Amino acid sequence: MPSGNPQNLKMLKLAPPHKRCFYTVFSPSSSIKLEIPPAFNRHLAGESWIDEARLNSCKGSWDVKVRGSGRSSEDMYFEKGWEDFVKEHKLHVGDLLVFQHHGRLVFDVMIFDPSACQKEYHPAFIGEERKQEETMKRQEEIIHPNHSNSNGTSL
């Protein structure tokens, strides 16, 4: 308990609420789904009715399906939508991801590369890569509308 000093009480009131975090190192097995550490599940027990998480990063927000109930005895995973997050952030084996939980399965995600530095995503290019990929897919569909060659067999 802080002393009766008004300055100490003021500092106590200004202290931000404690937010729980976990981290994981990206591996080949985490490219399709990502396990939430079982020890962290106890912090999610009151959120077992929620089946979708919101992952916020410097590149935007992703809604990702969650499998599991939030009970510490059951595994929980980020699944559908996780692959999109992985692709958009160009995650590689050895990247470190830090998840800060804000409640209601909302997480801020920070990503660090193997050099221990936070990955940088230049704002001018955020979203542009996605547009370029979509344009390339459309051009490919125009050139090869049914993905077949000139004699009618599939490629």
N, C-alpha and C. Protein backbone atom coordinates (compact mmCIF):
# COMPACT_ATOMS: atom_id res chain seq x y z
N MET A 1 0.85 -1.17 0.00
CA MET A 1 0.00 0.00 0.00
C MET A 1 0.88 1.23 0.00
N PRO A 2 0.65 2.19 -0.92
CA PRO A 2 1.49 3.38 -0.96
C PRO A 2 1.24 4.24 0.26
N SER A 3 2.24 5.03 0.58
CA SER A 3 2.10 5.93 1.72
C SER A 3 1.03 6.97 1.41
N GLY A 4 0.67 7.73 2.40
CA GLY A 4 -0.37 8.73 2.24
C GLY A 4 0.07 9.92 1.41
N ASN A 5 1.28 9.88 0.90
CA ASN A 5 1.79 10.97 0.09
C ASN A 5 0.92 11.12 -1.16
N PRO A 6 0.31 12.29 -1.39
CA PRO A 6 -0.56 12.47 -2.56
C PRO A 6 0.14 12.18 -3.89
N GLN A 7 1.43 12.42 -3.97
CA GLN A 7 2.18 12.16 -5.20
C GLN A 7 2.19 10.65 -5.49
N ASN A 8 2.39 9.81 -4.47
CA ASN A 8 2.37 8.36 -4.65
C ASN A 8 1.00 7.88 -5.10
N LEU A 9 -0.07 8.43 -4.52
CA LEU A 9 -1.43 8.05 -4.91
C LEU A 9 -1.70 8.45 -6.35
N LYS A 10 -1.22 9.63 -6.74
CA LYS A 10 -1.41 10.09 -8.12
C LYS A 10 -0.70 9.15 -9.09
N MET A 11 0.50 8.72 -8.76
CA MET A 11 1.24 7.81 -9.63
C MET A 11 0.51 6.47 -9.74
N LEU A 12 -0.07 6.01 -8.63
CA LEU A 12 -0.78 4.75 -8.63
C LEU A 12 -1.98 4.81 -9.57
N LYS A 13 -2.70 5.91 -9.55
CA LYS A 13 -3.88 6.06 -10.40
C LYS A 13 -3.50 6.14 -11.88
N LEU A 14 -2.34 6.66 -12.18
CA LEU A 14 -1.92 6.83 -13.57
C LEU A 14 -1.30 5.56 -14.15
N ALA A 15 -0.99 4.60 -13.31
CA ALA A 15 -0.37 3.36 -13.81
C ALA A 15 -1.33 2.65 -14.74
N PRO A 16 -0.85 2.24 -15.92
CA PRO A 16 -1.73 1.57 -16.87
C PRO A 16 -2.13 0.19 -16.35
N PRO A 17 -3.31 -0.29 -16.74
CA PRO A 17 -3.69 -1.63 -16.31
C PRO A 17 -2.72 -2.65 -16.88
N HIS A 18 -2.50 -3.74 -16.14
CA HIS A 18 -1.56 -4.77 -16.58
C HIS A 18 -2.16 -5.53 -17.76
N LYS A 19 -1.43 -5.62 -18.82
CA LYS A 19 -1.86 -6.37 -20.00
C LYS A 19 -0.99 -7.60 -20.11
N ARG A 20 -1.60 -8.73 -20.32
CA ARG A 20 -0.88 -10.00 -20.41
C ARG A 20 -0.29 -10.15 -21.81
N CYS A 21 0.89 -10.72 -21.86
CA CYS A 21 1.58 -10.94 -23.14
C CYS A 21 2.07 -12.38 -23.21
N PHE A 22 2.25 -12.84 -24.45
CA PHE A 22 2.98 -14.08 -24.68
C PHE A 22 3.77 -13.90 -25.96
N TYR A 23 4.77 -14.72 -26.14
CA TYR A 23 5.56 -14.67 -27.37
C TYR A 23 5.71 -16.07 -27.93
N THR A 24 6.04 -16.12 -29.20
CA THR A 24 6.32 -17.40 -29.85
C THR A 24 7.35 -17.15 -30.95
N VAL A 25 8.14 -18.16 -31.23
CA VAL A 25 9.09 -18.10 -32.34
C VAL A 25 8.45 -18.81 -33.51
N PHE A 26 8.37 -18.12 -34.65
CA PHE A 26 7.71 -18.67 -35.83
C PHE A 26 8.49 -19.87 -36.35
N SER A 27 7.75 -20.95 -36.64
CA SER A 27 8.35 -22.18 -37.15
C SER A 27 7.53 -22.67 -38.33
N PRO A 28 8.02 -23.65 -39.09
CA PRO A 28 7.25 -24.17 -40.22
C PRO A 28 5.86 -24.65 -39.81
N SER A 29 5.74 -25.23 -38.62
CA SER A 29 4.44 -25.75 -38.18
C SER A 29 3.45 -24.64 -37.83
N SER A 30 3.93 -23.42 -37.67
CA SER A 30 3.02 -22.32 -37.31
C SER A 30 2.58 -21.50 -38.52
N SER A 31 2.83 -21.99 -39.73
CA SER A 31 2.42 -21.22 -40.91
C SER A 31 0.93 -21.40 -41.22
N ILE A 32 0.32 -22.51 -40.78
CA ILE A 32 -1.10 -22.76 -41.04
C ILE A 32 -1.95 -22.44 -39.82
N LYS A 33 -1.45 -22.77 -38.63
CA LYS A 33 -2.14 -22.43 -37.40
C LYS A 33 -1.09 -22.16 -36.34
N LEU A 34 -1.47 -21.38 -35.34
CA LEU A 34 -0.53 -21.03 -34.28
C LEU A 34 -1.14 -21.37 -32.94
N GLU A 35 -0.42 -22.18 -32.16
CA GLU A 35 -0.91 -22.53 -30.83
C GLU A 35 -0.68 -21.38 -29.86
N ILE A 36 -1.73 -21.05 -29.13
CA ILE A 36 -1.60 -20.10 -28.02
C ILE A 36 -1.01 -20.92 -26.87
N PRO A 37 0.06 -20.44 -26.24
CA PRO A 37 0.70 -21.25 -25.19
C PRO A 37 -0.31 -21.70 -24.12
N PRO A 38 -0.33 -22.99 -23.79
CA PRO A 38 -1.27 -23.50 -22.80
C PRO A 38 -1.24 -22.72 -21.48
N ALA A 39 -0.08 -22.27 -21.05
CA ALA A 39 0.01 -21.51 -19.80
C ALA A 39 -0.72 -20.17 -19.89
N PHE A 40 -0.90 -19.67 -21.10
CA PHE A 40 -1.60 -18.39 -21.30
C PHE A 40 -3.12 -18.58 -21.30
N ASN A 41 -3.58 -19.79 -21.58
CA ASN A 41 -5.01 -20.05 -21.69
C ASN A 41 -5.80 -19.66 -20.45
N ARG A 42 -5.18 -19.75 -19.28
CA ARG A 42 -5.91 -19.42 -18.05
C ARG A 42 -6.32 -17.95 -18.04
N HIS A 43 -5.59 -17.12 -18.78
CA HIS A 43 -5.95 -15.69 -18.87
C HIS A 43 -7.12 -15.47 -19.82
N LEU A 44 -7.46 -16.49 -20.60
CA LEU A 44 -8.54 -16.39 -21.58
C LEU A 44 -9.80 -17.12 -21.14
N ALA A 45 -9.79 -17.69 -19.95
CA ALA A 45 -10.89 -18.53 -19.49
C ALA A 45 -12.24 -17.82 -19.55
N GLY A 46 -12.32 -16.57 -19.24
CA GLY A 46 -13.58 -15.84 -19.29
C GLY A 46 -14.00 -15.45 -20.69
N GLU A 47 -13.18 -15.77 -21.68
CA GLU A 47 -13.47 -15.39 -23.06
C GLU A 47 -13.78 -16.61 -23.92
N SER A 48 -14.16 -17.72 -23.27
CA SER A 48 -14.35 -18.97 -23.99
C SER A 48 -15.49 -18.92 -24.99
N TRP A 49 -16.40 -17.98 -24.85
CA TRP A 49 -17.54 -17.88 -25.76
C TRP A 49 -17.16 -17.17 -27.06
N ILE A 50 -16.00 -16.56 -27.11
CA ILE A 50 -15.56 -15.83 -28.31
C ILE A 50 -14.81 -16.81 -29.21
N ASP A 51 -15.17 -16.86 -30.50
CA ASP A 51 -14.50 -17.81 -31.40
C ASP A 51 -13.65 -17.10 -32.46
N GLU A 52 -13.48 -15.79 -32.33
CA GLU A 52 -12.68 -15.05 -33.30
C GLU A 52 -11.83 -14.03 -32.56
N ALA A 53 -10.56 -14.00 -32.91
CA ALA A 53 -9.64 -13.03 -32.31
C ALA A 53 -9.39 -11.90 -33.30
N ARG A 54 -9.01 -10.76 -32.79
CA ARG A 54 -8.60 -9.62 -33.61
C ARG A 54 -7.12 -9.42 -33.37
N LEU A 55 -6.32 -9.52 -34.45
CA LEU A 55 -4.88 -9.31 -34.37
C LEU A 55 -4.56 -7.97 -35.02
N ASN A 56 -4.02 -7.05 -34.23
CA ASN A 56 -3.67 -5.72 -34.72
C ASN A 56 -2.16 -5.62 -34.88
N SER A 57 -1.73 -5.09 -36.01
CA SER A 57 -0.30 -4.84 -36.22
C SER A 57 -0.17 -3.50 -36.92
N CYS A 58 1.05 -3.12 -37.22
CA CYS A 58 1.27 -1.86 -37.92
C CYS A 58 0.72 -1.90 -39.35
N LYS A 59 0.38 -3.09 -39.83
CA LYS A 59 -0.15 -3.24 -41.18
C LYS A 59 -1.67 -3.32 -41.22
N GLY A 60 -2.33 -3.26 -40.07
CA GLY A 60 -3.78 -3.31 -40.04
C GLY A 60 -4.29 -4.32 -39.03
N SER A 61 -5.53 -4.78 -39.26
CA SER A 61 -6.19 -5.72 -38.35
C SER A 61 -6.66 -6.93 -39.11
N TRP A 62 -6.58 -8.08 -38.46
CA TRP A 62 -7.01 -9.35 -39.05
C TRP A 62 -7.93 -10.04 -38.06
N ASP A 63 -9.05 -10.55 -38.55
CA ASP A 63 -9.93 -11.39 -37.75
C ASP A 63 -9.54 -12.83 -38.02
N VAL A 64 -9.25 -13.56 -36.95
CA VAL A 64 -8.73 -14.91 -37.05
C VAL A 64 -9.58 -15.83 -36.17
N LYS A 65 -10.02 -16.94 -36.73
CA LYS A 65 -10.80 -17.91 -35.96
C LYS A 65 -9.92 -18.55 -34.89
N VAL A 66 -10.52 -18.82 -33.74
CA VAL A 66 -9.82 -19.45 -32.63
C VAL A 66 -10.48 -20.79 -32.36
N ARG A 67 -9.68 -21.83 -32.29
CA ARG A 67 -10.19 -23.15 -31.91
C ARG A 67 -9.76 -23.43 -30.48
N GLY A 68 -10.68 -23.92 -29.67
CA GLY A 68 -10.42 -24.21 -28.27
C GLY A 68 -11.34 -23.38 -27.40
N SER A 69 -11.42 -23.72 -26.15
CA SER A 69 -12.40 -23.08 -25.28
C SER A 69 -11.81 -22.07 -24.32
N GLY A 70 -10.50 -21.99 -24.23
CA GLY A 70 -9.89 -21.09 -23.26
C GLY A 70 -9.68 -21.75 -21.91
N ARG A 71 -10.00 -23.02 -21.79
CA ARG A 71 -9.72 -23.74 -20.55
C ARG A 71 -8.24 -24.16 -20.59
N SER A 72 -7.59 -24.07 -19.46
CA SER A 72 -6.16 -24.36 -19.44
C SER A 72 -5.85 -25.79 -19.85
N SER A 73 -6.84 -26.69 -19.77
CA SER A 73 -6.59 -28.08 -20.13
C SER A 73 -6.75 -28.33 -21.63
N GLU A 74 -7.18 -27.35 -22.37
CA GLU A 74 -7.44 -27.54 -23.79
C GLU A 74 -6.53 -26.63 -24.62
N ASP A 75 -6.02 -27.16 -25.71
CA ASP A 75 -5.18 -26.36 -26.60
C ASP A 75 -6.03 -25.34 -27.33
N MET A 76 -5.46 -24.18 -27.57
CA MET A 76 -6.13 -23.13 -28.35
C MET A 76 -5.21 -22.74 -29.49
N TYR A 77 -5.82 -22.48 -30.65
CA TYR A 77 -5.05 -22.14 -31.85
C TYR A 77 -5.69 -20.96 -32.57
N PHE A 78 -4.84 -20.14 -33.22
CA PHE A 78 -5.31 -19.21 -34.23
C PHE A 78 -5.35 -20.04 -35.51
N GLU A 79 -6.48 -20.07 -36.20
CA GLU A 79 -6.59 -20.89 -37.40
C GLU A 79 -7.01 -20.05 -38.60
N LYS A 80 -8.23 -20.23 -39.09
CA LYS A 80 -8.68 -19.57 -40.32
C LYS A 80 -8.42 -18.06 -40.23
N GLY A 81 -7.68 -17.55 -41.20
CA GLY A 81 -7.28 -16.16 -41.21
C GLY A 81 -5.83 -15.97 -40.79
N TRP A 82 -5.29 -16.95 -40.05
CA TRP A 82 -3.90 -16.87 -39.62
C TRP A 82 -2.95 -16.91 -40.81
N GLU A 83 -3.25 -17.76 -41.80
CA GLU A 83 -2.38 -17.85 -42.98
C GLU A 83 -2.29 -16.50 -43.70
N ASP A 84 -3.40 -15.77 -43.76
CA ASP A 84 -3.38 -14.44 -44.38
C ASP A 84 -2.47 -13.49 -43.60
N PHE A 85 -2.55 -13.56 -42.28
CA PHE A 85 -1.68 -12.74 -41.44
C PHE A 85 -0.22 -13.07 -41.71
N VAL A 86 0.09 -14.37 -41.79
CA VAL A 86 1.47 -14.83 -42.05
C VAL A 86 1.98 -14.29 -43.39
N LYS A 87 1.16 -14.43 -44.43
CA LYS A 87 1.57 -13.98 -45.77
C LYS A 87 1.76 -12.47 -45.82
N GLU A 88 0.80 -11.75 -45.26
CA GLU A 88 0.86 -10.29 -45.31
C GLU A 88 2.08 -9.74 -44.58
N HIS A 89 2.50 -10.41 -43.52
CA HIS A 89 3.64 -9.95 -42.73
C HIS A 89 4.95 -10.62 -43.13
N LYS A 90 4.87 -11.48 -44.15
CA LYS A 90 6.06 -12.16 -44.65
C LYS A 90 6.87 -12.78 -43.50
N LEU A 91 6.16 -13.58 -42.71
CA LEU A 91 6.83 -14.21 -41.56
C LEU A 91 7.75 -15.33 -42.04
N HIS A 92 8.89 -15.42 -41.37
CA HIS A 92 9.90 -16.42 -41.70
C HIS A 92 10.28 -17.18 -40.44
N VAL A 93 10.80 -18.38 -40.63
CA VAL A 93 11.26 -19.19 -39.51
C VAL A 93 12.27 -18.36 -38.71
N GLY A 94 12.07 -18.34 -37.41
CA GLY A 94 12.96 -17.59 -36.53
C GLY A 94 12.43 -16.23 -36.13
N ASP A 95 11.39 -15.73 -36.81
CA ASP A 95 10.80 -14.46 -36.39
C ASP A 95 10.15 -14.64 -35.02
N LEU A 96 10.25 -13.62 -34.19
CA LEU A 96 9.67 -13.64 -32.86
C LEU A 96 8.42 -12.77 -32.88
N LEU A 97 7.31 -13.33 -32.42
CA LEU A 97 6.04 -12.59 -32.38
C LEU A 97 5.65 -12.39 -30.93
N VAL A 98 5.34 -11.16 -30.56
CA VAL A 98 4.90 -10.82 -29.22
C VAL A 98 3.44 -10.40 -29.31
N PHE A 99 2.58 -11.08 -28.54
CA PHE A 99 1.14 -10.83 -28.54
C PHE A 99 0.77 -10.16 -27.22
N GLN A 100 0.23 -8.96 -27.28
CA GLN A 100 -0.23 -8.26 -26.08
C GLN A 100 -1.75 -8.33 -26.06
N HIS A 101 -2.31 -8.94 -25.03
CA HIS A 101 -3.74 -9.20 -24.93
C HIS A 101 -4.45 -8.01 -24.27
N HIS A 102 -5.51 -7.54 -24.92
CA HIS A 102 -6.27 -6.41 -24.39
C HIS A 102 -7.64 -6.82 -23.86
N GLY A 103 -7.94 -8.11 -23.90
CA GLY A 103 -9.26 -8.60 -23.50
C GLY A 103 -10.11 -8.87 -24.73
N ARG A 104 -11.15 -9.69 -24.56
CA ARG A 104 -12.07 -10.04 -25.63
C ARG A 104 -11.34 -10.56 -26.88
N LEU A 105 -10.24 -11.28 -26.65
CA LEU A 105 -9.40 -11.87 -27.71
C LEU A 105 -8.90 -10.83 -28.72
N VAL A 106 -8.59 -9.65 -28.23
CA VAL A 106 -7.96 -8.61 -29.04
C VAL A 106 -6.49 -8.56 -28.65
N PHE A 107 -5.61 -8.66 -29.66
CA PHE A 107 -4.18 -8.69 -29.43
C PHE A 107 -3.47 -7.67 -30.33
N ASP A 108 -2.49 -6.98 -29.76
CA ASP A 108 -1.54 -6.23 -30.57
C ASP A 108 -0.38 -7.17 -30.81
N VAL A 109 0.12 -7.21 -32.04
CA VAL A 109 1.20 -8.13 -32.38
C VAL A 109 2.41 -7.33 -32.85
N MET A 110 3.54 -7.58 -32.22
CA MET A 110 4.81 -6.99 -32.65
C MET A 110 5.67 -8.13 -33.18
N ILE A 111 6.39 -7.85 -34.27
CA ILE A 111 7.16 -8.89 -34.94
C ILE A 111 8.63 -8.47 -35.00
N PHE A 112 9.49 -9.38 -34.57
CA PHE A 112 10.93 -9.15 -34.57
C PHE A 112 11.59 -10.20 -35.45
N ASP A 113 12.61 -9.78 -36.21
CA ASP A 113 13.32 -10.74 -37.06
C ASP A 113 14.45 -11.38 -36.25
N PRO A 114 15.15 -12.37 -36.82
CA PRO A 114 16.20 -13.06 -36.06
C PRO A 114 17.35 -12.17 -35.58
N SER A 115 17.46 -10.95 -36.11
CA SER A 115 18.50 -10.04 -35.64
C SER A 115 18.10 -9.35 -34.34
N ALA A 116 16.91 -9.67 -33.83
CA ALA A 116 16.35 -9.11 -32.59
C ALA A 116 15.82 -7.69 -32.77
N CYS A 117 15.65 -7.26 -34.02
CA CYS A 117 15.09 -5.94 -34.30
C CYS A 117 13.65 -6.10 -34.78
N GLN A 118 12.83 -5.11 -34.43
CA GLN A 118 11.45 -5.16 -34.87
C GLN A 118 11.41 -5.02 -36.39
N LYS A 119 10.59 -5.87 -37.03
CA LYS A 119 10.46 -5.79 -38.49
C LYS A 119 9.83 -4.46 -38.86
N GLU A 120 10.34 -3.90 -39.94
CA GLU A 120 9.80 -2.63 -40.42
C GLU A 120 8.99 -2.88 -41.68
N TYR A 121 7.82 -2.28 -41.70
CA TYR A 121 6.94 -2.34 -42.87
C TYR A 121 6.72 -0.90 -43.27
N HIS A 122 7.25 -0.53 -44.42
CA HIS A 122 7.17 0.86 -44.84
C HIS A 122 5.75 1.22 -45.24
N PRO A 123 5.19 2.27 -44.63
CA PRO A 123 3.80 2.65 -44.89
C PRO A 123 3.47 2.85 -46.36
N ALA A 124 4.41 3.34 -47.15
CA ALA A 124 4.14 3.58 -48.56
C ALA A 124 3.85 2.28 -49.29
N PHE A 125 4.37 1.17 -48.78
CA PHE A 125 4.20 -0.10 -49.46
C PHE A 125 3.12 -0.99 -48.84
N ILE A 126 2.64 -0.61 -47.67
CA ILE A 126 1.59 -1.40 -47.03
C ILE A 126 0.35 -1.35 -47.90
N GLY A 127 -0.15 -2.47 -48.26
CA GLY A 127 -1.33 -2.55 -49.12
C GLY A 127 -0.96 -2.58 -50.60
N GLU A 128 0.13 -1.95 -50.98
CA GLU A 128 0.56 -1.94 -52.38
C GLU A 128 0.96 -3.34 -52.82
N GLU A 129 1.63 -4.08 -51.94
CA GLU A 129 2.03 -5.45 -52.28
C GLU A 129 0.80 -6.29 -52.58
N ARG A 130 -0.24 -6.13 -51.76
CA ARG A 130 -1.47 -6.89 -51.95
C ARG A 130 -2.10 -6.53 -53.30
N LYS A 131 -2.11 -5.25 -53.64
CA LYS A 131 -2.67 -4.80 -54.92
C LYS A 131 -1.87 -5.39 -56.08
N GLN A 132 -0.55 -5.39 -55.95
CA GLN A 132 0.29 -5.94 -57.01
C GLN A 132 0.04 -7.43 -57.20
N GLU A 133 -0.10 -8.16 -56.10
CA GLU A 133 -0.37 -9.60 -56.19
C GLU A 133 -1.71 -9.85 -56.87
N GLU A 134 -2.74 -9.06 -56.53
CA GLU A 134 -4.06 -9.23 -57.14
C GLU A 134 -4.00 -8.91 -58.64
N THR A 135 -3.25 -7.87 -59.01
CA THR A 135 -3.10 -7.52 -60.42
C THR A 135 -2.40 -8.64 -61.18
N MET A 136 -1.37 -9.21 -60.59
CA MET A 136 -0.65 -10.30 -61.25
C MET A 136 -1.56 -11.52 -61.41
N LYS A 137 -2.39 -11.81 -60.42
CA LYS A 137 -3.33 -12.93 -60.53
C LYS A 137 -4.32 -12.69 -61.65
N ARG A 138 -4.86 -11.45 -61.75
CA ARG A 138 -5.82 -11.13 -62.81
C ARG A 138 -5.16 -11.25 -64.17
N GLN A 139 -3.92 -10.78 -64.31
CA GLN A 139 -3.22 -10.89 -65.58
C GLN A 139 -2.99 -12.35 -65.95
N GLU A 140 -2.65 -13.17 -64.96
CA GLU A 140 -2.45 -14.59 -65.20
C GLU A 140 -3.76 -15.25 -65.66
N GLU A 141 -4.88 -14.83 -65.05
CA GLU A 141 -6.18 -15.39 -65.43
C GLU A 141 -6.55 -14.98 -66.86
N ILE A 142 -6.15 -13.78 -67.27
CA ILE A 142 -6.42 -13.33 -68.64
C ILE A 142 -5.59 -14.14 -69.63
N ILE A 143 -4.33 -14.34 -69.29
CA ILE A 143 -3.44 -15.09 -70.17
C ILE A 143 -3.81 -16.57 -70.20
N HIS A 144 -4.13 -17.13 -69.05
CA HIS A 144 -4.49 -18.55 -68.92
C HIS A 144 -5.83 -18.64 -68.21
N PRO A 145 -6.93 -18.35 -68.91
CA PRO A 145 -8.24 -18.29 -68.25
C PRO A 145 -8.67 -19.58 -67.57
N ASN A 146 -8.39 -20.72 -68.12
CA ASN A 146 -8.80 -21.98 -67.50
C ASN A 146 -7.61 -22.80 -67.04
N HIS A 147 -6.46 -22.17 -66.96
CA HIS A 147 -5.22 -22.87 -66.61
C HIS A 147 -5.03 -24.10 -67.48
N SER A 148 -5.26 -23.94 -68.76
CA SER A 148 -5.01 -25.05 -69.70
C SER A 148 -4.13 -24.54 -70.82
N ASN A 149 -3.44 -25.47 -71.47
CA ASN A 149 -2.57 -25.08 -72.58
C ASN A 149 -3.35 -25.15 -73.89
N SER A 150 -2.69 -24.91 -75.01
CA SER A 150 -3.36 -24.80 -76.31
C SER A 150 -4.04 -26.11 -76.77
N ASN A 151 -3.60 -27.27 -76.31
CA ASN A 151 -4.23 -28.50 -76.75
C ASN A 151 -5.36 -28.93 -75.80
N GLY A 152 -5.72 -28.08 -74.81
CA GLY A 152 -6.88 -28.33 -73.97
C GLY A 152 -6.61 -29.13 -72.73
N THR A 153 -5.37 -29.54 -72.49
CA THR A 153 -5.08 -30.29 -71.27
C THR A 153 -4.72 -29.32 -70.16
N SER A 154 -5.03 -29.72 -68.95
CA SER A 154 -4.76 -28.86 -67.79
C SER A 154 -3.27 -28.78 -67.54
N LEU A 155 -2.88 -27.60 -67.06
CA LEU A 155 -1.47 -27.39 -66.68
C LEU A 155 -1.21 -27.93 -65.31
